[in-house]
PDB file of all heavy atoms in Angstrom:
ATOM      1  N   ALA A   1      56.091 -16.867 -74.483  1.00  0.00           N
ATOM      2  CA  ALA A   1      54.784 -17.258 -73.968  1.00  0.00           C
ATOM      3  C   ALA A   1      54.267 -16.258 -72.955  1.00  0.00           C
ATOM      4  O   ALA A   1      55.034 -15.481 -72.374  1.00  0.00           O
ATOM      5  CB  ALA A   1      54.858 -18.644 -73.339  1.00  0.00           C
ATOM      6  N   TRP A   2      52.968 -16.323 -72.754  1.00  0.00           N
ATOM      7  CA  TRP A   2      52.299 -15.589 -71.684  1.00  0.00           C
ATOM      8  C   TRP A   2      51.833 -16.588 -70.634  1.00  0.00           C
ATOM      9  O   TRP A   2      51.401 -17.704 -70.972  1.00  0.00           O
ATOM     10  CB  TRP A   2      51.107 -14.819 -72.221  1.00  0.00           C
ATOM     11  CG  TRP A   2      51.477 -13.585 -72.973  1.00  0.00           C
ATOM     12  CD1 TRP A   2      51.634 -13.452 -74.336  1.00  0.00           C
ATOM     13  CD2 TRP A   2      51.737 -12.289 -72.423  1.00  0.00           C
ATOM     14  NE1 TRP A   2      51.979 -12.173 -74.653  1.00  0.00           N
ATOM     15  CE2 TRP A   2      52.045 -11.434 -73.490  1.00  0.00           C
ATOM     16  CE3 TRP A   2      51.729 -11.762 -71.124  1.00  0.00           C
ATOM     17  CZ2 TRP A   2      52.346 -10.075 -73.302  1.00  0.00           C
ATOM     18  CZ3 TRP A   2      52.024 -10.421 -70.938  1.00  0.00           C
ATOM     19  CH2 TRP A   2      52.335  -9.596 -72.016  1.00  0.00           C
ATOM     20  N   TYR A   3      51.906 -16.130 -69.372  1.00  0.00           N
ATOM     21  CA  TYR A   3      51.495 -16.937 -68.232  1.00  0.00           C
ATOM     22  C   TYR A   3      50.562 -16.100 -67.365  1.00  0.00           C
ATOM     23  O   TYR A   3      50.668 -14.876 -67.319  1.00  0.00           O
ATOM     24  CB  TYR A   3      52.717 -17.381 -67.423  1.00  0.00           C
ATOM     25  CG  TYR A   3      53.712 -18.174 -68.232  1.00  0.00           C
ATOM     26  CD1 TYR A   3      54.676 -17.531 -69.011  1.00  0.00           C
ATOM     27  CD2 TYR A   3      53.686 -19.566 -68.240  1.00  0.00           C
ATOM     28  CE1 TYR A   3      55.586 -18.257 -69.771  1.00  0.00           C
ATOM     29  CE2 TYR A   3      54.594 -20.295 -69.005  1.00  0.00           C
ATOM     30  CZ  TYR A   3      55.526 -19.630 -69.761  1.00  0.00           C
ATOM     31  OH  TYR A   3      56.429 -20.349 -70.510  1.00  0.00           O
ATOM     32  N   HIS A   4      49.680 -16.776 -66.638  1.00  0.00           N
ATOM     33  CA  HIS A   4      48.674 -16.105 -65.808  1.00  0.00           C
ATOM     34  C   HIS A   4      48.737 -16.640 -64.395  1.00  0.00           C
ATOM     35  O   HIS A   4      48.771 -17.873 -64.199  1.00  0.00           O
ATOM     36  CB  HIS A   4      47.286 -16.370 -66.418  1.00  0.00           C
ATOM     37  CG  HIS A   4      46.141 -16.001 -65.552  1.00  0.00           C
ATOM     38  ND1 HIS A   4      45.133 -16.894 -65.233  1.00  0.00           N
ATOM     39  CD2 HIS A   4      45.838 -14.841 -64.945  1.00  0.00           C
ATOM     40  CE1 HIS A   4      44.256 -16.281 -64.468  1.00  0.00           C
ATOM     41  NE2 HIS A   4      44.655 -15.040 -64.283  1.00  0.00           N
ATOM     42  N   GLN A   5      48.752 -15.736 -63.434  1.00  0.00           N
ATOM     43  CA  GLN A   5      48.692 -16.137 -62.045  1.00  0.00           C
ATOM     44  C   GLN A   5      47.472 -15.512 -61.401  1.00  0.00           C
ATOM     45  O   GLN A   5      47.439 -14.288 -61.159  1.00  0.00           O
ATOM     46  CB  GLN A   5      49.952 -15.744 -61.291  1.00  0.00           C
ATOM     47  CG  GLN A   5      50.001 -16.304 -59.887  1.00  0.00           C
ATOM     48  CD  GLN A   5      51.386 -16.227 -59.271  1.00  0.00           C
ATOM     49  OE1 GLN A   5      52.223 -15.412 -59.678  1.00  0.00           O
ATOM     50  NE2 GLN A   5      51.648 -17.075 -58.300  1.00  0.00           N
ATOM     51  N   ALA A   6      46.470 -16.321 -61.148  1.00  0.00           N
ATOM     52  CA  ALA A   6      45.272 -15.859 -60.465  1.00  0.00           C
ATOM     53  C   ALA A   6      45.577 -15.683 -58.978  1.00  0.00           C
ATOM     54  O   ALA A   6      46.508 -16.315 -58.461  1.00  0.00           O
ATOM     55  CB  ALA A   6      44.145 -16.859 -60.662  1.00  0.00           C
ATOM     56  N   PRO A   7      44.821 -14.855 -58.278  1.00  0.00           N
ATOM     57  CA  PRO A   7      45.066 -14.634 -56.851  1.00  0.00           C
ATOM     58  C   PRO A   7      45.086 -15.947 -56.064  1.00  0.00           C
ATOM     59  O   PRO A   7      44.151 -16.731 -56.150  1.00  0.00           O
ATOM     60  CB  PRO A   7      43.897 -13.749 -56.421  1.00  0.00           C
ATOM     61  CG  PRO A   7      43.483 -13.045 -57.678  1.00  0.00           C
ATOM     62  CD  PRO A   7      43.708 -14.023 -58.782  1.00  0.00           C
ATOM     63  N   GLY A   8      46.179 -16.181 -55.343  1.00  0.00           N
ATOM     64  CA  GLY A   8      46.304 -17.359 -54.499  1.00  0.00           C
ATOM     65  C   GLY A   8      46.566 -18.658 -55.234  1.00  0.00           C
ATOM     66  O   GLY A   8      46.503 -19.726 -54.626  1.00  0.00           O
ATOM     67  N   LYS A   9      46.876 -18.582 -56.521  1.00  0.00           N
ATOM     68  CA  LYS A   9      47.077 -19.806 -57.301  1.00  0.00           C
ATOM     69  C   LYS A   9      48.450 -19.818 -57.967  1.00  0.00           C
ATOM     70  O   LYS A   9      49.171 -18.822 -57.971  1.00  0.00           O
ATOM     71  CB  LYS A   9      45.980 -19.943 -58.360  1.00  0.00           C
ATOM     72  CG  LYS A   9      44.582 -20.101 -57.755  1.00  0.00           C
ATOM     73  CD  LYS A   9      43.573 -20.483 -58.807  1.00  0.00           C
ATOM     74  CE  LYS A   9      42.223 -20.740 -58.172  1.00  0.00           C
ATOM     75  NZ  LYS A   9      41.190 -21.127 -59.171  1.00  0.00           N
ATOM     76  N   GLU A  10      48.780 -20.975 -58.533  1.00  0.00           N
ATOM     77  CA  GLU A  10      50.034 -21.128 -59.250  1.00  0.00           C
ATOM     78  C   GLU A  10      49.974 -20.375 -60.585  1.00  0.00           C
ATOM     79  O   GLU A  10      48.908 -20.115 -61.121  1.00  0.00           O
ATOM     80  CB  GLU A  10      50.294 -22.610 -59.533  1.00  0.00           C
ATOM     81  CG  GLU A  10      50.447 -23.495 -58.307  1.00  0.00           C
ATOM     82  CD  GLU A  10      51.778 -23.282 -57.630  1.00  0.00           C
ATOM     83  OE1 GLU A  10      52.786 -23.102 -58.342  1.00  0.00           O
ATOM     84  OE2 GLU A  10      51.812 -23.254 -56.391  1.00  0.00           O
ATOM     85  N   ARG A  11      51.148 -20.075 -61.101  1.00  0.00           N
ATOM     86  CA  ARG A  11      51.238 -19.449 -62.419  1.00  0.00           C
ATOM     87  C   ARG A  11      51.016 -20.516 -63.483  1.00  0.00           C
ATOM     88  O   ARG A  11      51.640 -21.568 -63.449  1.00  0.00           O
ATOM     89  CB  ARG A  11      52.616 -18.807 -62.562  1.00  0.00           C
ATOM     90  CG  ARG A  11      52.783 -17.902 -63.726  1.00  0.00           C
ATOM     91  CD  ARG A  11      53.862 -16.856 -63.476  1.00  0.00           C
ATOM     92  NE  ARG A  11      54.951 -17.320 -62.678  1.00  0.00           N
ATOM     93  CZ  ARG A  11      55.786 -16.532 -61.984  1.00  0.00           C
ATOM     94  NH1 ARG A  11      55.602 -15.217 -62.021  1.00  0.00           N
ATOM     95  NH2 ARG A  11      56.770 -17.027 -61.282  1.00  0.00           N
ATOM     96  N   ASP A  12      50.121 -20.229 -64.431  1.00  0.00           N
ATOM     97  CA  ASP A  12      49.745 -21.198 -65.458  1.00  0.00           C
ATOM     98  C   ASP A  12      50.076 -20.669 -66.845  1.00  0.00           C
ATOM     99  O   ASP A  12      50.061 -19.460 -67.087  1.00  0.00           O
ATOM    100  CB  ASP A  12      48.237 -21.485 -65.410  1.00  0.00           C
ATOM    101  CG  ASP A  12      47.815 -22.216 -64.160  1.00  0.00           C
ATOM    102  OD1 ASP A  12      48.622 -23.009 -63.635  1.00  0.00           O
ATOM    103  OD2 ASP A  12      46.676 -22.000 -63.700  1.00  0.00           O
ATOM    104  N   PHE A  13      50.291 -21.598 -67.752  1.00  0.00           N
ATOM    105  CA  PHE A  13      50.523 -21.272 -69.151  1.00  0.00           C
ATOM    106  C   PHE A  13      49.239 -20.755 -69.795  1.00  0.00           C
ATOM    107  O   PHE A  13      48.156 -21.280 -69.548  1.00  0.00           O
ATOM    108  CB  PHE A  13      51.001 -22.538 -69.877  1.00  0.00           C
ATOM    109  CG  PHE A  13      50.980 -22.439 -71.367  1.00  0.00           C
ATOM    110  CD1 PHE A  13      52.013 -21.790 -72.032  1.00  0.00           C
ATOM    111  CD2 PHE A  13      49.946 -22.975 -72.108  1.00  0.00           C
ATOM    112  CE1 PHE A  13      52.002 -21.694 -73.417  1.00  0.00           C
ATOM    113  CE2 PHE A  13      49.926 -22.894 -73.487  1.00  0.00           C
ATOM    114  CZ  PHE A  13      50.960 -22.247 -74.144  1.00  0.00           C
ATOM    115  N   VAL A  14      49.381 -19.725 -70.641  1.00  0.00           N
ATOM    116  CA  VAL A  14      48.242 -19.174 -71.369  1.00  0.00           C
ATOM    117  C   VAL A  14      48.390 -19.412 -72.868  1.00  0.00           C
ATOM    118  O   VAL A  14      47.506 -19.957 -73.509  1.00  0.00           O
ATOM    119  CB  VAL A  14      48.097 -17.667 -71.094  1.00  0.00           C
ATOM    120  CG1 VAL A  14      47.002 -17.056 -71.972  1.00  0.00           C
ATOM    121  CG2 VAL A  14      47.820 -17.404 -69.627  1.00  0.00           C
ATOM    122  N   ALA A  15      49.515 -18.953 -73.432  1.00  0.00           N
ATOM    123  CA  ALA A  15      49.697 -19.043 -74.879  1.00  0.00           C
ATOM    124  C   ALA A  15      51.175 -18.924 -75.197  1.00  0.00           C
ATOM    125  O   ALA A  15      51.923 -18.288 -74.458  1.00  0.00           O
ATOM    126  CB  ALA A  15      48.929 -17.933 -75.591  1.00  0.00           C
ATOM    127  N   ALA A  16      51.578 -19.539 -76.311  1.00  0.00           N
ATOM    128  CA  ALA A  16      52.963 -19.472 -76.761  1.00  0.00           C
ATOM    129  C   ALA A  16      53.013 -19.206 -78.251  1.00  0.00           C
ATOM    130  O   ALA A  16      52.088 -19.577 -78.990  1.00  0.00           O
ATOM    131  CB  ALA A  16      53.698 -20.766 -76.432  1.00  0.00           C
ATOM    132  N   ILE A  17      54.117 -18.587 -78.678  1.00  0.00           N
ATOM    133  CA  ILE A  17      54.333 -18.339 -80.103  1.00  0.00           C
ATOM    134  C   ILE A  17      55.780 -18.643 -80.436  1.00  0.00           C
ATOM    135  O   ILE A  17      56.695 -18.143 -79.783  1.00  0.00           O
ATOM    136  CB  ILE A  17      53.936 -16.906 -80.495  1.00  0.00           C
ATOM    137  CG1 ILE A  17      54.064 -16.706 -82.010  1.00  0.00           C
ATOM    138  CG2 ILE A  17      54.729 -15.858 -79.721  1.00  0.00           C
ATOM    139  CD1 ILE A  17      53.362 -15.459 -82.513  1.00  0.00           C
ATOM    140  N   ALA A  18      55.974 -19.473 -81.440  1.00  0.00           N
ATOM    141  CA  ALA A  18      57.316 -19.855 -81.850  1.00  0.00           C
ATOM    142  C   ALA A  18      57.948 -18.751 -82.694  1.00  0.00           C
ATOM    143  O   ALA A  18      57.263 -17.851 -83.186  1.00  0.00           O
ATOM    144  CB  ALA A  18      57.252 -21.152 -82.648  1.00  0.00           C
ATOM    145  N   GLY A  19      59.255 -18.858 -82.873  1.00  0.00           N
ATOM    146  CA  GLY A  19      59.941 -17.873 -83.691  1.00  0.00           C
ATOM    147  C   GLY A  19      59.373 -17.793 -85.098  1.00  0.00           C
ATOM    148  O   GLY A  19      59.306 -16.715 -85.697  1.00  0.00           O
ATOM    149  N   GLY A  20      58.900 -18.938 -85.592  1.00  0.00           N
ATOM    150  CA  GLY A  20      58.328 -18.985 -86.930  1.00  0.00           C
ATOM    151  C   GLY A  20      56.864 -18.599 -86.990  1.00  0.00           C
ATOM    152  O   GLY A  20      56.270 -18.538 -88.074  1.00  0.00           O
ATOM    153  N   GLY A  21      56.271 -18.344 -85.833  1.00  0.00           N
ATOM    154  CA  GLY A  21      54.893 -17.862 -85.788  1.00  0.00           C
ATOM    155  C   GLY A  21      53.852 -18.882 -85.372  1.00  0.00           C
ATOM    156  O   GLY A  21      52.686 -18.517 -85.172  1.00  0.00           O
ATOM    157  N   GLY A  22      54.226 -20.145 -85.233  1.00  0.00           N
ATOM    158  CA  GLY A  22      53.272 -21.132 -84.768  1.00  0.00           C
ATOM    159  C   GLY A  22      52.812 -20.824 -83.357  1.00  0.00           C
ATOM    160  O   GLY A  22      53.591 -20.316 -82.537  1.00  0.00           O
ATOM    161  N   THR A  23      51.542 -21.104 -83.058  1.00  0.00           N
ATOM    162  CA  THR A  23      50.974 -20.737 -81.765  1.00  0.00           C
ATOM    163  C   THR A  23      50.356 -21.941 -81.067  1.00  0.00           C
ATOM    164  O   THR A  23      49.999 -22.940 -81.696  1.00  0.00           O
ATOM    165  CB  THR A  23      49.906 -19.647 -81.919  1.00  0.00           C
ATOM    166  OG1 THR A  23      48.882 -20.118 -82.806  1.00  0.00           O
ATOM    167  CG2 THR A  23      50.497 -18.366 -82.470  1.00  0.00           C
ATOM    168  N   ASN A  24      50.223 -21.797 -79.756  1.00  0.00           N
ATOM    169  CA  ASN A  24      49.591 -22.822 -78.935  1.00  0.00           C
ATOM    170  C   ASN A  24      48.891 -22.114 -77.794  1.00  0.00           C
ATOM    171  O   ASN A  24      49.414 -21.112 -77.263  1.00  0.00           O
ATOM    172  CB  ASN A  24      50.644 -23.798 -78.405  1.00  0.00           C
ATOM    173  CG  ASN A  24      50.022 -24.999 -77.737  1.00  0.00           C
ATOM    174  OD1 ASN A  24      48.935 -25.434 -78.114  1.00  0.00           O
ATOM    175  ND2 ASN A  24      50.711 -25.549 -76.755  1.00  0.00           N
ATOM    176  N   TYR A  25      47.714 -22.621 -77.393  1.00  0.00           N
ATOM    177  CA  TYR A  25      46.911 -21.953 -76.375  1.00  0.00           C
ATOM    178  C   TYR A  25      46.427 -22.945 -75.328  1.00  0.00           C
ATOM    179  O   TYR A  25      46.164 -24.115 -75.626  1.00  0.00           O
ATOM    180  CB  TYR A  25      45.681 -21.302 -77.009  1.00  0.00           C
ATOM    181  CG  TYR A  25      46.005 -20.199 -77.973  1.00  0.00           C
ATOM    182  CD1 TYR A  25      46.171 -20.457 -79.333  1.00  0.00           C
ATOM    183  CD2 TYR A  25      46.151 -18.880 -77.535  1.00  0.00           C
ATOM    184  CE1 TYR A  25      46.479 -19.453 -80.227  1.00  0.00           C
ATOM    185  CE2 TYR A  25      46.450 -17.859 -78.422  1.00  0.00           C
ATOM    186  CZ  TYR A  25      46.619 -18.158 -79.764  1.00  0.00           C
ATOM    187  OH  TYR A  25      46.921 -17.138 -80.640  1.00  0.00           O
ATOM    188  N   ALA A  26      46.258 -22.434 -74.115  1.00  0.00           N
ATOM    189  CA  ALA A  26      45.560 -23.202 -73.096  1.00  0.00           C
ATOM    190  C   ALA A  26      44.099 -23.328 -73.508  1.00  0.00           C
ATOM    191  O   ALA A  26      43.536 -22.416 -74.131  1.00  0.00           O
ATOM    192  CB  ALA A  26      45.665 -22.494 -71.741  1.00  0.00           C
ATOM    193  N   ASP A  27      43.480 -24.444 -73.152  1.00  0.00           N
ATOM    194  CA  ASP A  27      42.085 -24.675 -73.546  1.00  0.00           C
ATOM    195  C   ASP A  27      41.169 -23.562 -73.055  1.00  0.00           C
ATOM    196  O   ASP A  27      40.203 -23.203 -73.730  1.00  0.00           O
ATOM    197  CB  ASP A  27      41.597 -26.018 -72.990  1.00  0.00           C
ATOM    198  CG  ASP A  27      42.204 -27.206 -73.723  1.00  0.00           C
ATOM    199  OD1 ASP A  27      42.748 -27.003 -74.838  1.00  0.00           O
ATOM    200  OD2 ASP A  27      42.146 -28.317 -73.182  1.00  0.00           O
ATOM    201  N   SER A  28      41.479 -22.996 -71.898  1.00  0.00           N
ATOM    202  CA  SER A  28      40.603 -21.999 -71.283  1.00  0.00           C
ATOM    203  C   SER A  28      40.547 -20.691 -72.068  1.00  0.00           C
ATOM    204  O   SER A  28      39.640 -19.881 -71.850  1.00  0.00           O
ATOM    205  CB  SER A  28      41.062 -21.715 -69.855  1.00  0.00           C
ATOM    206  OG  SER A  28      42.391 -21.237 -69.854  1.00  0.00           O
ATOM    207  N   VAL A  29      41.501 -20.457 -72.969  1.00  0.00           N
ATOM    208  CA  VAL A  29      41.524 -19.186 -73.700  1.00  0.00           C
ATOM    209  C   VAL A  29      41.378 -19.354 -75.206  1.00  0.00           C
ATOM    210  O   VAL A  29      41.306 -18.348 -75.926  1.00  0.00           O
ATOM    211  CB  VAL A  29      42.817 -18.389 -73.404  1.00  0.00           C
ATOM    212  CG1 VAL A  29      42.995 -18.207 -71.901  1.00  0.00           C
ATOM    213  CG2 VAL A  29      44.040 -19.047 -74.024  1.00  0.00           C
ATOM    214  N   LYS A  30      41.312 -20.581 -75.675  1.00  0.00           N
ATOM    215  CA  LYS A  30      41.171 -20.807 -77.124  1.00  0.00           C
ATOM    216  C   LYS A  30      39.925 -20.112 -77.657  1.00  0.00           C
ATOM    217  O   LYS A  30      38.851 -20.198 -77.064  1.00  0.00           O
ATOM    218  CB  LYS A  30      41.106 -22.304 -77.414  1.00  0.00           C
ATOM    219  CG  LYS A  30      42.443 -22.997 -77.353  1.00  0.00           C
ATOM    220  CD  LYS A  30      42.302 -24.482 -77.682  1.00  0.00           C
ATOM    221  CE  LYS A  30      43.661 -25.182 -77.599  1.00  0.00           C
ATOM    222  NZ  LYS A  30      43.546 -26.640 -77.822  1.00  0.00           N
ATOM    223  N   GLY A  31      40.089 -19.407 -78.771  1.00  0.00           N
ATOM    224  CA  GLY A  31      38.973 -18.687 -79.363  1.00  0.00           C
ATOM    225  C   GLY A  31      38.750 -17.308 -78.777  1.00  0.00           C
ATOM    226  O   GLY A  31      37.975 -16.525 -79.331  1.00  0.00           O
ATOM    227  N   ARG A  32      39.415 -16.989 -77.660  1.00  0.00           N
ATOM    228  CA  ARG A  32      39.239 -15.672 -77.028  1.00  0.00           C
ATOM    229  C   ARG A  32      40.513 -14.845 -77.059  1.00  0.00           C
ATOM    230  O   ARG A  32      40.472 -13.632 -77.196  1.00  0.00           O
ATOM    231  CB  ARG A  32      38.785 -15.832 -75.573  1.00  0.00           C
ATOM    232  CG  ARG A  32      37.479 -16.564 -75.407  1.00  0.00           C
ATOM    233  CD  ARG A  32      36.959 -16.466 -73.973  1.00  0.00           C
ATOM    234  NE  ARG A  32      37.874 -17.064 -73.006  1.00  0.00           N
ATOM    235  CZ  ARG A  32      38.406 -16.418 -71.968  1.00  0.00           C
ATOM    236  NH1 ARG A  32      38.119 -15.145 -71.763  1.00  0.00           N
ATOM    237  NH2 ARG A  32      39.222 -17.050 -71.129  1.00  0.00           N
ATOM    238  N   PHE A  33      41.661 -15.500 -76.874  1.00  0.00           N
ATOM    239  CA  PHE A  33      42.950 -14.804 -76.825  1.00  0.00           C
ATOM    240  C   PHE A  33      43.745 -15.107 -78.081  1.00  0.00           C
ATOM    241  O   PHE A  33      43.668 -16.212 -78.634  1.00  0.00           O
ATOM    242  CB  PHE A  33      43.755 -15.267 -75.616  1.00  0.00           C
ATOM    243  CG  PHE A  33      43.203 -14.854 -74.272  1.00  0.00           C
ATOM    244  CD1 PHE A  33      41.965 -14.255 -74.143  1.00  0.00           C
ATOM    245  CD2 PHE A  33      43.959 -15.070 -73.125  1.00  0.00           C
ATOM    246  CE1 PHE A  33      41.467 -13.870 -72.907  1.00  0.00           C
ATOM    247  CE2 PHE A  33      43.489 -14.698 -71.873  1.00  0.00           C
ATOM    248  CZ  PHE A  33      42.231 -14.112 -71.765  1.00  0.00           C
ATOM    249  N   THR A  34      44.553 -14.131 -78.510  1.00  0.00           N
ATOM    250  CA  THR A  34      45.438 -14.305 -79.657  1.00  0.00           C
ATOM    251  C   THR A  34      46.815 -13.775 -79.299  1.00  0.00           C
ATOM    252  O   THR A  34      46.953 -12.619 -78.896  1.00  0.00           O
ATOM    253  CB  THR A  34      44.908 -13.564 -80.884  1.00  0.00           C
ATOM    254  OG1 THR A  34      43.596 -14.021 -81.197  1.00  0.00           O
ATOM    255  CG2 THR A  34      45.830 -13.796 -82.078  1.00  0.00           C
ATOM    256  N   ILE A  35      47.823 -14.630 -79.447  1.00  0.00           N
ATOM    257  CA  ILE A  35      49.198 -14.215 -79.209  1.00  0.00           C
ATOM    258  C   ILE A  35      49.834 -13.871 -80.558  1.00  0.00           C
ATOM    259  O   ILE A  35      49.562 -14.530 -81.576  1.00  0.00           O
ATOM    260  CB  ILE A  35      49.993 -15.318 -78.481  1.00  0.00           C
ATOM    261  CG1 ILE A  35      51.362 -14.795 -78.032  1.00  0.00           C
ATOM    262  CG2 ILE A  35      50.103 -16.584 -79.311  1.00  0.00           C
ATOM    263  CD1 ILE A  35      52.113 -15.739 -77.104  1.00  0.00           C
ATOM    264  N   SER A  36      50.650 -12.825 -80.559  1.00  0.00           N
ATOM    265  CA  SER A  36      51.339 -12.422 -81.768  1.00  0.00           C
ATOM    266  C   SER A  36      52.674 -11.815 -81.384  1.00  0.00           C
ATOM    267  O   SER A  36      52.945 -11.594 -80.198  1.00  0.00           O
ATOM    268  CB  SER A  36      50.497 -11.430 -82.585  1.00  0.00           C
ATOM    269  OG  SER A  36      50.247 -10.251 -81.838  1.00  0.00           O
ATOM    270  N   ARG A  37      53.499 -11.534 -82.387  1.00  0.00           N
ATOM    271  CA  ARG A  37      54.803 -10.958 -82.093  1.00  0.00           C
ATOM    272  C   ARG A  37      55.230 -10.023 -83.213  1.00  0.00           C
ATOM    273  O   ARG A  37      54.810 -10.190 -84.353  1.00  0.00           O
ATOM    274  CB  ARG A  37      55.839 -12.068 -81.883  1.00  0.00           C
ATOM    275  CG  ARG A  37      56.143 -12.898 -83.106  1.00  0.00           C
ATOM    276  CD  ARG A  37      56.942 -14.153 -82.746  1.00  0.00           C
ATOM    277  NE  ARG A  37      58.208 -13.822 -82.111  1.00  0.00           N
ATOM    278  CZ  ARG A  37      58.907 -14.682 -81.339  1.00  0.00           C
ATOM    279  NH1 ARG A  37      58.446 -15.895 -81.125  1.00  0.00           N
ATOM    280  NH2 ARG A  37      60.052 -14.320 -80.810  1.00  0.00           N
ATOM    281  N   ASP A  38      56.066  -9.052 -82.847  1.00  0.00           N
ATOM    282  CA  ASP A  38      56.687  -8.162 -83.812  1.00  0.00           C
ATOM    283  C   ASP A  38      58.177  -8.186 -83.507  1.00  0.00           C
ATOM    284  O   ASP A  38      58.642  -7.498 -82.591  1.00  0.00           O
ATOM    285  CB  ASP A  38      56.110  -6.748 -83.697  1.00  0.00           C
ATOM    286  CG  ASP A  38      56.660  -5.812 -84.762  1.00  0.00           C
ATOM    287  OD1 ASP A  38      57.675  -6.160 -85.416  1.00  0.00           O
ATOM    288  OD2 ASP A  38      56.086  -4.726 -84.935  1.00  0.00           O
ATOM    289  N   ASN A  39      58.901  -8.996 -84.253  1.00  0.00           N
ATOM    290  CA  ASN A  39      60.323  -9.166 -83.964  1.00  0.00           C
ATOM    291  C   ASN A  39      61.128  -7.891 -84.215  1.00  0.00           C
ATOM    292  O   ASN A  39      62.201  -7.724 -83.648  1.00  0.00           O
ATOM    293  CB  ASN A  39      60.881 -10.317 -84.791  1.00  0.00           C
ATOM    294  CG  ASN A  39      60.341 -11.660 -84.342  1.00  0.00           C
ATOM    295  OD1 ASN A  39      60.061 -11.872 -83.161  1.00  0.00           O
ATOM    296  ND2 ASN A  39      60.180 -12.582 -85.288  1.00  0.00           N
TER     297      ASN A  39
END
């Protein structure tokens, strides 16, 4: 997964990708960010 820490704030979840390729995104980045992997 990727996580984001804005200045002065807690680290938050952004996106995750499973070993099989399934993905999940925070609502704030859906449609804008894409997570991928090259094993």
